[in-house]
Amino acid sequence: MPNIIFLPHEEICPEGASIEAESGTSICDVALANGIEIEHACEKSCACTTCHVYVREGMDSLEDPTEDEEDLLDKAWGLEPDSRLSCQARVADKDLVVEIPKYTLNQVSEQH
């Protein structure tokens, strides 16, 4: 099984994590199942950008984003070429290195 390495994030994952992930599972689902509380305001329905991540390594193993995902990513804070919505990016057969952005555009965050 491929591994997802989550780089340290000050609030969500201070120590970082390396997690085995089943192919076909979304990055968001892997994170949530392992105690990494990544935001997902739209309940993973590809309707917001709160689960935005940077795929620092392994991007080429992921399926291309849909047009809907690309349209939403245009609205994400800190958009970079390796940006993806973690609810839409599904693990394939290669290891991934994922960074969770410092900020998110969530108008109604339950955490604050």
PDB file of N, CA and C in Angstrom:
ATOM      1  N   MET A   1       0.835  -1.183   0.000  1.00  0.00           N
ATOM      2  CA  MET A   1       0.000   0.000   0.000  1.00  0.00           C
ATOM      3  C   MET A   1       0.879   1.246   0.000  1.00  0.00           C
ATOM      4  N   PRO A   2       0.440   2.265  -0.741  1.00  0.00           N
ATOM      5  CA  PRO A   2       1.199   3.513  -0.736  1.00  0.00           C
ATOM      6  C   PRO A   2       1.080   4.240   0.603  1.00  0.00           C
ATOM      7  N   ASN A   3       2.058   5.090   0.883  1.00  0.00           N
ATOM      8  CA  ASN A   3       2.061   5.923   2.083  1.00  0.00           C
ATOM      9  C   ASN A   3       1.738   7.354   1.710  1.00  0.00           C
ATOM     10  N   ILE A   4       1.049   8.036   2.611  1.00  0.00           N
ATOM     11  CA  ILE A   4       0.890   9.483   2.504  1.00  0.00           C
ATOM     12  C   ILE A   4       1.676  10.081   3.660  1.00  0.00           C
ATOM     13  N   ILE A   5       2.606  10.934   3.336  1.00  0.00           N
ATOM     14  CA  ILE A   5       3.340  11.669   4.350  1.00  0.00           C
ATOM     15  C   ILE A   5       2.696  13.043   4.449  1.00  0.00           C
ATOM     16  N   PHE A   6       2.139  13.332   5.617  1.00  0.00           N
ATOM     17  CA  PHE A   6       1.579  14.649   5.877  1.00  0.00           C
ATOM     18  C   PHE A   6       2.657  15.470   6.563  1.00  0.00           C
ATOM     19  N   LEU A   7       3.048  16.553   5.934  1.00  0.00           N
ATOM     20  CA  LEU A   7       4.056  17.425   6.523  1.00  0.00           C
ATOM     21  C   LEU A   7       3.476  18.112   7.753  1.00  0.00           C
ATOM     22  N   PRO A   8       4.329  18.489   8.701  1.00  0.00           N
ATOM     23  CA  PRO A   8       3.813  19.129   9.916  1.00  0.00           C
ATOM     24  C   PRO A   8       3.000  20.391   9.622  1.00  0.00           C
ATOM     25  N   HIS A   9       1.910  20.542  10.354  1.00  0.00           N
ATOM     26  CA  HIS A   9       1.045  21.723  10.302  1.00  0.00           C
ATOM     27  C   HIS A   9       0.847  22.166  11.742  1.00  0.00           C
ATOM     28  N   GLU A  10       1.076  23.414  12.003  1.00  0.00           N
ATOM     29  CA  GLU A  10       1.092  23.947  13.372  1.00  0.00           C
ATOM     30  C   GLU A  10      -0.110  23.527  14.213  1.00  0.00           C
ATOM     31  N   GLU A  11      -1.305  23.549  13.641  1.00  0.00           N
ATOM     32  CA  GLU A  11      -2.516  23.267  14.407  1.00  0.00           C
ATOM     33  C   GLU A  11      -3.082  21.872  14.170  1.00  0.00           C
ATOM     34  N   ILE A  12      -3.092  21.428  12.929  1.00  0.00           N
ATOM     35  CA  ILE A  12      -3.805  20.202  12.578  1.00  0.00           C
ATOM     36  C   ILE A  12      -2.966  18.944  12.793  1.00  0.00           C
ATOM     37  N   CYS A  13      -1.669  19.042  12.538  1.00  0.00           N
ATOM     38  CA  CYS A  13      -0.800  17.859  12.585  1.00  0.00           C
ATOM     39  C   CYS A  13       0.624  18.304  12.948  1.00  0.00           C
ATOM     40  N   PRO A  14       0.837  18.747  14.185  1.00  0.00           N
ATOM     41  CA  PRO A  14       2.116  19.368  14.560  1.00  0.00           C
ATOM     42  C   PRO A  14       3.351  18.500  14.327  1.00  0.00           C
ATOM     43  N   GLU A  15       3.214  17.200  14.477  1.00  0.00           N
ATOM     44  CA  GLU A  15       4.362  16.300  14.315  1.00  0.00           C
ATOM     45  C   GLU A  15       4.496  15.760  12.894  1.00  0.00           C
ATOM     46  N   GLY A  16       3.498  16.021  12.050  1.00  0.00           N
ATOM     47  CA  GLY A  16       3.473  15.368  10.750  1.00  0.00           C
ATOM     48  C   GLY A  16       3.038  13.923  10.941  1.00  0.00           C
ATOM     49  N   ALA A  17       2.885  13.193   9.854  1.00  0.00           N
ATOM     50  CA  ALA A  17       2.462  11.791   9.956  1.00  0.00           C
ATOM     51  C   ALA A  17       2.786  11.057   8.668  1.00  0.00           C
ATOM     52  N   SER A  18       3.019   9.766   8.805  1.00  0.00           N
ATOM     53  CA  SER A  18       3.181   8.878   7.661  1.00  0.00           C
ATOM     54  C   SER A  18       2.136   7.778   7.814  1.00  0.00           C
ATOM     55  N   ILE A  19       1.239   7.685   6.829  1.00  0.00           N
ATOM     56  CA  ILE A  19       0.083   6.805   6.958  1.00  0.00           C
ATOM     57  C   ILE A  19      -0.042   5.928   5.715  1.00  0.00           C
ATOM     58  N   GLU A  20      -0.231   4.620   5.925  1.00  0.00           N
ATOM     59  CA  GLU A  20      -0.528   3.725   4.811  1.00  0.00           C
ATOM     60  C   GLU A  20      -1.944   4.012   4.329  1.00  0.00           C
ATOM     61  N   ALA A  21      -2.090   4.067   3.015  1.00  0.00           N
ATOM     62  CA  ALA A  21      -3.390   4.417   2.450  1.00  0.00           C
ATOM     63  C   ALA A  21      -3.793   3.406   1.385  1.00  0.00           C
ATOM     64  N   GLU A  22      -5.027   3.027   1.412  1.00  0.00           N
ATOM     65  CA  GLU A  22      -5.559   2.113   0.414  1.00  0.00           C
ATOM     66  C   GLU A  22      -5.802   2.865  -0.887  1.00  0.00           C
ATOM     67  N   SER A  23      -5.374   2.294  -1.991  1.00  0.00           N
ATOM     68  CA  SER A  23      -5.599   2.915  -3.296  1.00  0.00           C
ATOM     69  C   SER A  23      -7.099   3.141  -3.505  1.00  0.00           C
ATOM     70  N   GLY A  24      -7.431   4.299  -4.088  1.00  0.00           N
ATOM     71  CA  GLY A  24      -8.820   4.645  -4.352  1.00  0.00           C
ATOM     72  C   GLY A  24      -9.468   5.469  -3.256  1.00  0.00           C
ATOM     73  N   THR A  25      -8.770   5.626  -2.124  1.00  0.00           N
ATOM     74  CA  THR A  25      -9.288   6.417  -1.013  1.00  0.00           C
ATOM     75  C   THR A  25      -8.852   7.865  -1.186  1.00  0.00           C
ATOM     76  N   SER A  26      -9.716   8.797  -0.850  1.00  0.00           N
ATOM     77  CA  SER A  26      -9.341  10.206  -0.992  1.00  0.00           C
ATOM     78  C   SER A  26      -8.325  10.583   0.090  1.00  0.00           C
ATOM     79  N   ILE A  27      -7.503  11.565  -0.228  1.00  0.00           N
ATOM     80  CA  ILE A  27      -6.532  12.078   0.742  1.00  0.00           C
ATOM     81  C   ILE A  27      -7.264  12.558   1.993  1.00  0.00           C
ATOM     82  N   CYS A  28      -8.389  13.214   1.821  1.00  0.00           N
ATOM     83  CA  CYS A  28      -9.177  13.718   2.945  1.00  0.00           C
ATOM     84  C   CYS A  28      -9.645  12.576   3.846  1.00  0.00           C
ATOM     85  N   ASP A  29     -10.169  11.507   3.265  1.00  0.00           N
ATOM     86  CA  ASP A  29     -10.647  10.383   4.062  1.00  0.00           C
ATOM     87  C   ASP A  29      -9.510   9.717   4.831  1.00  0.00           C
ATOM     88  N   VAL A  30      -8.344   9.601   4.199  1.00  0.00           N
ATOM     89  CA  VAL A  30      -7.187   9.017   4.887  1.00  0.00           C
ATOM     90  C   VAL A  30      -6.815   9.885   6.088  1.00  0.00           C
ATOM     91  N   ALA A  31      -6.758  11.201   5.873  1.00  0.00           N
ATOM     92  CA  ALA A  31      -6.409  12.112   6.964  1.00  0.00           C
ATOM     93  C   ALA A  31      -7.401  11.990   8.116  1.00  0.00           C
ATOM     94  N   LEU A  32      -8.685  12.100   7.808  1.00  0.00           N
ATOM     95  CA  LEU A  32      -9.715  12.063   8.849  1.00  0.00           C
ATOM     96  C   LEU A  32      -9.719  10.742   9.611  1.00  0.00           C
ATOM     97  N   ALA A  33      -9.516   9.633   8.912  1.00  0.00           N
ATOM     98  CA  ALA A  33      -9.511   8.317   9.555  1.00  0.00           C
ATOM     99  C   ALA A  33      -8.325   8.134  10.494  1.00  0.00           C
ATOM    100  N   ASN A  34      -7.331   9.019  10.362  1.00  0.00           N
ATOM    101  CA  ASN A  34      -6.124   8.897  11.178  1.00  0.00           C
ATOM    102  C   ASN A  34      -5.914  10.097  12.101  1.00  0.00           C
ATOM    103  N   GLY A  35      -7.005  10.774  12.434  1.00  0.00           N
ATOM    104  CA  GLY A  35      -6.956  11.828  13.425  1.00  0.00           C
ATOM    105  C   GLY A  35      -6.421  13.162  12.948  1.00  0.00           C
ATOM    106  N   ILE A  36      -6.249  13.323  11.641  1.00  0.00           N
ATOM    107  CA  ILE A  36      -5.825  14.613  11.088  1.00  0.00           C
ATOM    108  C   ILE A  36      -7.096  15.323  10.643  1.00  0.00           C
ATOM    109  N   GLU A  37      -7.517  16.278  11.441  1.00  0.00           N
ATOM    110  CA  GLU A  37      -8.832  16.915  11.265  1.00  0.00           C
ATOM    111  C   GLU A  37      -8.797  18.022  10.214  1.00  0.00           C
ATOM    112  N   ILE A  38      -8.580  17.612   8.971  1.00  0.00           N
ATOM    113  CA  ILE A  38      -8.594  18.569   7.864  1.00  0.00           C
ATOM    114  C   ILE A  38     -10.027  19.068   7.678  1.00  0.00           C
ATOM    115  N   GLU A  39     -10.161  20.368   7.423  1.00  0.00           N
ATOM    116  CA  GLU A  39     -11.503  20.923   7.236  1.00  0.00           C
ATOM    117  C   GLU A  39     -12.143  20.349   5.973  1.00  0.00           C
ATOM    118  N   HIS A  40     -13.452  20.225   6.014  1.00  0.00           N
ATOM    119  CA  HIS A  40     -14.233  19.740   4.862  1.00  0.00           C
ATOM    120  C   HIS A  40     -15.671  20.226   5.017  1.00  0.00           C
ATOM    121  N   ALA A  41     -15.823  21.550   4.900  1.00  0.00           N
ATOM    122  CA  ALA A  41     -17.092  22.218   5.183  1.00  0.00           C
ATOM    123  C   ALA A  41     -18.259  21.713   4.335  1.00  0.00           C
ATOM    124  N   CYS A  42     -17.986  21.267   3.123  1.00  0.00           N
ATOM    125  CA  CYS A  42     -19.076  20.812   2.242  1.00  0.00           C
ATOM    126  C   CYS A  42     -19.321  19.311   2.360  1.00  0.00           C
ATOM    127  N   GLU A  43     -18.734  18.698   3.402  1.00  0.00           N
ATOM    128  CA  GLU A  43     -18.878  17.251   3.612  1.00  0.00           C
ATOM    129  C   GLU A  43     -18.334  16.446   2.427  1.00  0.00           C
ATOM    130  N   LYS A  44     -17.239  16.939   1.834  1.00  0.00           N
ATOM    131  CA  LYS A  44     -16.498  16.242   0.766  1.00  0.00           C
ATOM    132  C   LYS A  44     -17.307  16.101  -0.521  1.00  0.00           C
ATOM    133  N   SER A  45     -18.101  17.118  -0.849  1.00  0.00           N
ATOM    134  CA  SER A  45     -18.937  17.045  -2.057  1.00  0.00           C
ATOM    135  C   SER A  45     -18.413  17.926  -3.197  1.00  0.00           C
ATOM    136  N   CYS A  46     -17.197  18.410  -3.094  1.00  0.00           N
ATOM    137  CA  CYS A  46     -16.583  19.254  -4.124  1.00  0.00           C
ATOM    138  C   CYS A  46     -17.382  20.537  -4.324  1.00  0.00           C
ATOM    139  N   ALA A  47     -17.708  21.198  -3.189  1.00  0.00           N
ATOM    140  CA  ALA A  47     -18.476  22.433  -3.255  1.00  0.00           C
ATOM    141  C   ALA A  47     -17.809  23.587  -2.507  1.00  0.00           C
ATOM    142  N   CYS A  48     -16.584  23.374  -2.003  1.00  0.00           N
ATOM    143  CA  CYS A  48     -15.859  24.431  -1.309  1.00  0.00           C
ATOM    144  C   CYS A  48     -14.355  24.179  -1.480  1.00  0.00           C
ATOM    145  N   THR A  49     -13.540  24.952  -0.784  1.00  0.00           N
ATOM    146  CA  THR A  49     -12.085  24.761  -0.899  1.00  0.00           C
ATOM    147  C   THR A  49     -11.425  24.515   0.455  1.00  0.00           C
ATOM    148  N   THR A  50     -12.188  24.199   1.481  1.00  0.00           N
ATOM    149  CA  THR A  50     -11.603  24.075   2.817  1.00  0.00           C
ATOM    150  C   THR A  50     -10.659  22.885   2.956  1.00  0.00           C
ATOM    151  N   CYS A  51     -10.765  21.895   2.102  1.00  0.00           N
ATOM    152  CA  CYS A  51      -9.871  20.729   2.177  1.00  0.00           C
ATOM    153  C   CYS A  51      -8.684  20.845   1.214  1.00  0.00           C
ATOM    154  N   HIS A  52      -8.437  22.046   0.732  1.00  0.00           N
ATOM    155  CA  HIS A  52      -7.317  22.320  -0.179  1.00  0.00           C
ATOM    156  C   HIS A  52      -5.991  21.873   0.436  1.00  0.00           C
ATOM    157  N   VAL A  53      -5.187  21.152  -0.343  1.00  0.00           N
ATOM    158  CA  VAL A  53      -3.846  20.740   0.079  1.00  0.00           C
ATOM    159  C   VAL A  53      -2.875  20.942  -1.076  1.00  0.00           C
ATOM    160  N   TYR A  54      -1.584  20.879  -0.735  1.00  0.00           N
ATOM    161  CA  TYR A  54      -0.523  20.857  -1.741  1.00  0.00           C
ATOM    162  C   TYR A  54       0.025  19.438  -1.795  1.00  0.00           C
ATOM    163  N   VAL A  55       0.064  18.856  -2.987  1.00  0.00           N
ATOM    164  CA  VAL A  55       0.664  17.533  -3.161  1.00  0.00           C
ATOM    165  C   VAL A  55       2.104  17.775  -3.613  1.00  0.00           C
ATOM    166  N   ARG A  56       3.022  17.747  -2.647  1.00  0.00           N
ATOM    167  CA  ARG A  56       4.423  18.103  -2.900  1.00  0.00           C
ATOM    168  C   ARG A  56       5.177  17.019  -3.655  1.00  0.00           C
ATOM    169  N   GLU A  57       4.784  15.769  -3.488  1.00  0.00           N
ATOM    170  CA  GLU A  57       5.385  14.666  -4.242  1.00  0.00           C
ATOM    171  C   GLU A  57       4.302  13.655  -4.578  1.00  0.00           C
ATOM    172  N   GLY A  58       4.408  13.069  -5.768  1.00  0.00           N
ATOM    173  CA  GLY A  58       3.466  12.040  -6.187  1.00  0.00           C
ATOM    174  C   GLY A  58       2.277  12.546  -6.978  1.00  0.00           C
ATOM    175  N   MET A  59       2.262  13.819  -7.314  1.00  0.00           N
ATOM    176  CA  MET A  59       1.129  14.403  -8.044  1.00  0.00           C
ATOM    177  C   MET A  59       0.862  13.653  -9.356  1.00  0.00           C
ATOM    178  N   ASP A  60       1.926  13.199 -10.009  1.00  0.00           N
ATOM    179  CA  ASP A  60       1.756  12.532 -11.305  1.00  0.00           C
ATOM    180  C   ASP A  60       0.999  11.207 -11.197  1.00  0.00           C
ATOM    181  N   SER A  61       0.871  10.646  -9.994  1.00  0.00           N
ATOM    182  CA  SER A  61       0.147   9.385  -9.840  1.00  0.00           C
ATOM    183  C   SER A  61      -1.358   9.597  -9.662  1.00  0.00           C
ATOM    184  N   LEU A  62      -1.767  10.834  -9.418  1.00  0.00           N
ATOM    185  CA  LEU A  62      -3.185  11.124  -9.205  1.00  0.00           C
ATOM    186  C   LEU A  62      -3.894  11.352 -10.532  1.00  0.00           C
ATOM    187  N   GLU A  63      -5.188  11.046 -10.555  1.00  0.00           N
ATOM    188  CA  GLU A  63      -5.988  11.380 -11.732  1.00  0.00           C
ATOM    189  C   GLU A  63      -6.041  12.895 -11.859  1.00  0.00           C
ATOM    190  N   ASP A  64      -6.203  13.373 -13.068  1.00  0.00           N
ATOM    191  CA  ASP A  64      -6.321  14.813 -13.281  1.00  0.00           C
ATOM    192  C   ASP A  64      -7.579  15.342 -12.583  1.00  0.00           C
ATOM    193  N   PRO A  65      -7.516  16.571 -12.103  1.00  0.00           N
ATOM    194  CA  PRO A  65      -8.711  17.147 -11.469  1.00  0.00           C
ATOM    195  C   PRO A  65      -9.822  17.363 -12.492  1.00  0.00           C
ATOM    196  N   THR A  66     -11.050  17.284 -12.025  1.00  0.00           N
ATOM    197  CA  THR A  66     -12.187  17.565 -12.894  1.00  0.00           C
ATOM    198  C   THR A  66     -12.277  19.073 -13.115  1.00  0.00           C
ATOM    199  N   GLU A  67     -13.084  19.470 -14.059  1.00  0.00           N
ATOM    200  CA  GLU A  67     -13.295  20.896 -14.316  1.00  0.00           C
ATOM    201  C   GLU A  67     -13.907  21.580 -13.093  1.00  0.00           C
ATOM    202  N   ASP A  68     -14.832  20.885 -12.409  1.00  0.00           N
ATOM    203  CA  ASP A  68     -15.434  21.451 -11.194  1.00  0.00           C
ATOM    204  C   ASP A  68     -14.371  21.695 -10.122  1.00  0.00           C
ATOM    205  N   GLU A  69     -13.471  20.733  -9.933  1.00  0.00           N
ATOM    206  CA  GLU A  69     -12.413  20.907  -8.943  1.00  0.00           C
ATOM    207  C   GLU A  69     -11.499  22.067  -9.327  1.00  0.00           C
ATOM    208  N   GLU A  70     -11.133  22.150 -10.595  1.00  0.00           N
ATOM    209  CA  GLU A  70     -10.264  23.251 -11.041  1.00  0.00           C
ATOM    210  C   GLU A  70     -10.930  24.607 -10.837  1.00  0.00           C
ATOM    211  N   ASP A  71     -12.231  24.694 -11.112  1.00  0.00           N
ATOM    212  CA  ASP A  71     -12.956  25.956 -10.904  1.00  0.00           C
ATOM    213  C   ASP A  71     -12.928  26.366  -9.432  1.00  0.00           C
ATOM    214  N   LEU A  72     -13.119  25.403  -8.541  1.00  0.00           N
ATOM    215  CA  LEU A  72     -13.071  25.704  -7.109  1.00  0.00           C
ATOM    216  C   LEU A  72     -11.666  26.070  -6.657  1.00  0.00           C
ATOM    217  N   LEU A  73     -10.679  25.365  -7.161  1.00  0.00           N
ATOM    218  CA  LEU A  73      -9.298  25.654  -6.766  1.00  0.00           C
ATOM    219  C   LEU A  73      -8.901  27.086  -7.104  1.00  0.00           C
ATOM    220  N   ASP A  74      -9.484  27.642  -8.157  1.00  0.00           N
ATOM    221  CA  ASP A  74      -9.200  29.035  -8.504  1.00  0.00           C
ATOM    222  C   ASP A  74      -9.561  29.987  -7.365  1.00  0.00           C
ATOM    223  N   LYS A  75     -10.434  29.547  -6.460  1.00  0.00           N
ATOM    224  CA  LYS A  75     -10.880  30.379  -5.338  1.00  0.00           C
ATOM    225  C   LYS A  75     -10.136  30.059  -4.040  1.00  0.00           C
ATOM    226  N   ALA A  76      -9.265  29.068  -4.059  1.00  0.00           N
ATOM    227  CA  ALA A  76      -8.582  28.627  -2.840  1.00  0.00           C
ATOM    228  C   ALA A  76      -7.499  29.616  -2.420  1.00  0.00           C
ATOM    229  N   TRP A  77      -7.293  29.721  -1.098  1.00  0.00           N
ATOM    230  CA  TRP A  77      -6.219  30.553  -0.577  1.00  0.00           C
ATOM    231  C   TRP A  77      -4.884  29.893  -0.918  1.00  0.00           C
ATOM    232  N   GLY A  78      -3.934  30.691  -1.427  1.00  0.00           N
ATOM    233  CA  GLY A  78      -2.584  30.191  -1.658  1.00  0.00           C
ATOM    234  C   GLY A  78      -2.463  29.170  -2.771  1.00  0.00           C
ATOM    235  N   LEU A  79      -3.237  29.316  -3.821  1.00  0.00           N
ATOM    236  CA  LEU A  79      -3.220  28.371  -4.937  1.00  0.00           C
ATOM    237  C   LEU A  79      -1.813  28.230  -5.511  1.00  0.00           C
ATOM    238  N   GLU A  80      -1.385  26.989  -5.723  1.00  0.00           N
ATOM    239  CA  GLU A  80      -0.092  26.672  -6.323  1.00  0.00           C
ATOM    240  C   GLU A  80      -0.307  25.608  -7.397  1.00  0.00           C
ATOM    241  N   PRO A  81       0.682  25.384  -8.262  1.00  0.00           N
ATOM    242  CA  PRO A  81       0.511  24.370  -9.312  1.00  0.00           C
ATOM    243  C   PRO A  81       0.226  22.963  -8.783  1.00  0.00           C
ATOM    244  N   ASP A  82       0.661  22.673  -7.549  1.00  0.00           N
ATOM    245  CA  ASP A  82       0.421  21.337  -6.997  1.00  0.00           C
ATOM    246  C   ASP A  82      -0.762  21.298  -6.026  1.00  0.00           C
ATOM    247  N   SER A  83      -1.659  22.280  -6.146  1.00  0.00           N
ATOM    248  CA  SER A  83      -2.858  22.327  -5.307  1.00  0.00           C
ATOM    249  C   SER A  83      -3.889  21.305  -5.770  1.00  0.00           C
ATOM    250  N   ARG A  84      -4.550  20.680  -4.789  1.00  0.00           N
ATOM    251  CA  ARG A  84      -5.683  19.790  -5.050  1.00  0.00           C
ATOM    252  C   ARG A  84      -6.677  19.910  -3.915  1.00  0.00           C
ATOM    253  N   LEU A  85      -7.926  19.546  -4.180  1.00  0.00           N
ATOM    254  CA  LEU A  85      -8.911  19.378  -3.121  1.00  0.00           C
ATOM    255  C   LEU A  85      -8.747  17.956  -2.606  1.00  0.00           C
ATOM    256  N   SER A  86      -8.448  17.823  -1.319  1.00  0.00           N
ATOM    257  CA  SER A  86      -8.144  16.488  -0.789  1.00  0.00           C
ATOM    258  C   SER A  86      -9.348  15.547  -0.823  1.00  0.00           C
ATOM    259  N   CYS A  87     -10.550  16.094  -0.910  1.00  0.00           N
ATOM    260  CA  CYS A  87     -11.731  15.230  -1.004  1.00  0.00           C
ATOM    261  C   CYS A  87     -11.881  14.622  -2.398  1.00  0.00           C
ATOM    262  N   GLN A  88     -11.204  15.185  -3.368  1.00  0.00           N
ATOM    263  CA  GLN A  88     -11.318  14.712  -4.753  1.00  0.00           C
ATOM    264  C   GLN A  88     -10.103  13.921  -5.215  1.00  0.00           C
ATOM    265  N   ALA A  89      -8.942  14.188  -4.638  1.00  0.00           N
ATOM    266  CA  ALA A  89      -7.705  13.508  -5.036  1.00  0.00           C
ATOM    267  C   ALA A  89      -7.642  12.137  -4.372  1.00  0.00           C
ATOM    268  N   ARG A  90      -7.643  11.100  -5.191  1.00  0.00           N
ATOM    269  CA  ARG A  90      -7.649   9.730  -4.677  1.00  0.00           C
ATOM    270  C   ARG A  90      -6.273   9.104  -4.824  1.00  0.00           C
ATOM    271  N   VAL A  91      -5.857   8.422  -3.775  1.00  0.00           N
ATOM    272  CA  VAL A  91      -4.563   7.745  -3.749  1.00  0.00           C
ATOM    273  C   VAL A  91      -4.533   6.700  -4.853  1.00  0.00           C
ATOM    274  N   ALA A  92      -3.416   6.658  -5.560  1.00  0.00           N
ATOM    275  CA  ALA A  92      -3.242   5.644  -6.607  1.00  0.00           C
ATOM    276  C   ALA A  92      -2.240   4.598  -6.105  1.00  0.00           C
ATOM    277  N   ASP A  93      -1.124   4.448  -6.801  1.00  0.00           N
ATOM    278  CA  ASP A  93      -0.172   3.393  -6.444  1.00  0.00           C
ATOM    279  C   ASP A  93       1.183   3.924  -5.982  1.00  0.00           C
ATOM    280  N   LYS A  94       1.328   5.242  -5.858  1.00  0.00           N
ATOM    281  CA  LYS A  94       2.598   5.824  -5.439  1.00  0.00           C
ATOM    282  C   LYS A  94       2.437   6.568  -4.127  1.00  0.00           C
ATOM    283  N   ASP A  95       3.545   6.687  -3.401  1.00  0.00           N
ATOM    284  CA  ASP A  95       3.548   7.464  -2.170  1.00  0.00           C
ATOM    285  C   ASP A  95       3.296   8.933  -2.483  1.00  0.00           C
ATOM    286  N   LEU A  96       2.702   9.629  -1.530  1.00  0.00           N
ATOM    287  CA  LEU A  96       2.418  11.052  -1.669  1.00  0.00           C
ATOM    288  C   LEU A  96       3.021  11.815  -0.496  1.00  0.00           C
ATOM    289  N   VAL A  97       3.428  13.036  -0.760  1.00  0.00           N
ATOM    290  CA  VAL A  97       3.807  13.967   0.300  1.00  0.00           C
ATOM    291  C   VAL A  97       2.829  15.126   0.200  1.00  0.00           C
ATOM    292  N   VAL A  98       2.102  15.372   1.299  1.00  0.00           N
ATOM    293  CA  VAL A  98       1.020  16.343   1.300  1.00  0.00           C
ATOM    294  C   VAL A  98       1.289  17.411   2.357  1.00  0.00           C
ATOM    295  N   GLU A  99       1.066  18.656   1.965  1.00  0.00           N
ATOM    296  CA  GLU A  99       1.159  19.771   2.899  1.00  0.00           C
ATOM    297  C   GLU A  99      -0.210  20.427   3.011  1.00  0.00           C
ATOM    298  N   ILE A 100      -0.647  20.660   4.238  1.00  0.00           N
ATOM    299  CA  ILE A 100      -1.911  21.341   4.482  1.00  0.00           C
ATOM    300  C   ILE A 100      -1.604  22.830   4.604  1.00  0.00           C
ATOM    301  N   PRO A 101      -2.260  23.671   3.803  1.00  0.00           N
ATOM    302  CA  PRO A 101      -1.978  25.110   3.872  1.00  0.00           C
ATOM    303  C   PRO A 101      -2.232  25.687   5.260  1.00  0.00           C
ATOM    304  N   LYS A 102      -1.531  26.761   5.553  1.00  0.00           N
ATOM    305  CA  LYS A 102      -1.684  27.417   6.852  1.00  0.00           C
ATOM    306  C   LYS A 102      -3.075  28.012   7.010  1.00  0.00           C
ATOM    307  N   TYR A 103      -3.656  28.500   5.917  1.00  0.00           N
ATOM    308  CA  TYR A 103      -4.961  29.157   5.972  1.00  0.00           C
ATOM    309  C   TYR A 103      -5.939  28.464   5.035  1.00  0.00           C
ATOM    310  N   THR A 104      -7.217  28.706   5.296  1.00  0.00           N
ATOM    311  CA  THR A 104      -8.281  28.222   4.427  1.00  0.00           C
ATOM    312  C   THR A 104      -9.350  29.300   4.341  1.00  0.00           C
ATOM    313  N   LEU A 105     -10.115  29.268   3.279  1.00  0.00           N
ATOM    314  CA  LEU A 105     -11.225  30.213   3.132  1.00  0.00           C
ATOM    315  C   LEU A 105     -12.506  29.528   3.576  1.00  0.00           C
ATOM    316  N   ASN A 106     -12.774  29.592   4.873  1.00  0.00           N
ATOM    317  CA  ASN A 106     -13.974  29.009   5.423  1.00  0.00           C
ATOM    318  C   ASN A 106     -14.727  30.104   6.159  1.00  0.00           C
ATOM    319  N   GLN A 107     -15.868  30.483   5.614  1.00  0.00           N
ATOM    320  CA  GLN A 107     -16.656  31.554   6.204  1.00  0.00           C
ATOM    321  C   GLN A 107     -17.333  31.149   7.513  1.00  0.00           C
ATOM    322  N   VAL A 108     -17.513  29.837   7.716  1.00  0.00           N
ATOM    323  CA  VAL A 108     -18.212  29.360   8.892  1.00  0.00           C
ATOM    324  C   VAL A 108     -17.437  28.200   9.504  1.00  0.00           C
ATOM    325  N   SER A 109     -16.318  28.479  10.110  1.00  0.00           N
ATOM    326  CA  SER A 109     -15.503  27.433  10.708  1.00  0.00           C
ATOM    327  C   SER A 109     -16.008  27.086  12.095  1.00  0.00           C
ATOM    328  N   GLU A 110     -16.186  25.809  12.359  1.00  0.00           N
ATOM    329  CA  GLU A 110     -16.641  25.339  13.656  1.00  0.00           C
ATOM    330  C   GLU A 110     -15.519  25.406  14.690  1.00  0.00           C
ATOM    331  N   GLN A 111     -14.271  25.541  14.257  1.00  0.00           N
ATOM    332  CA  GLN A 111     -13.135  25.479  15.156  1.00  0.00           C
ATOM    333  C   GLN A 111     -12.801  26.822  15.799  1.00  0.00           C
ATOM    334  N   HIS A 112     -13.456  27.906  15.414  1.00  0.00           N
ATOM    335  CA  HIS A 112     -13.067  29.233  15.918  1.00  0.00           C
ATOM    336  C   HIS A 112     -14.154  29.862  16.753  1.00  0.00           C
TER     337      HIS A 112
END
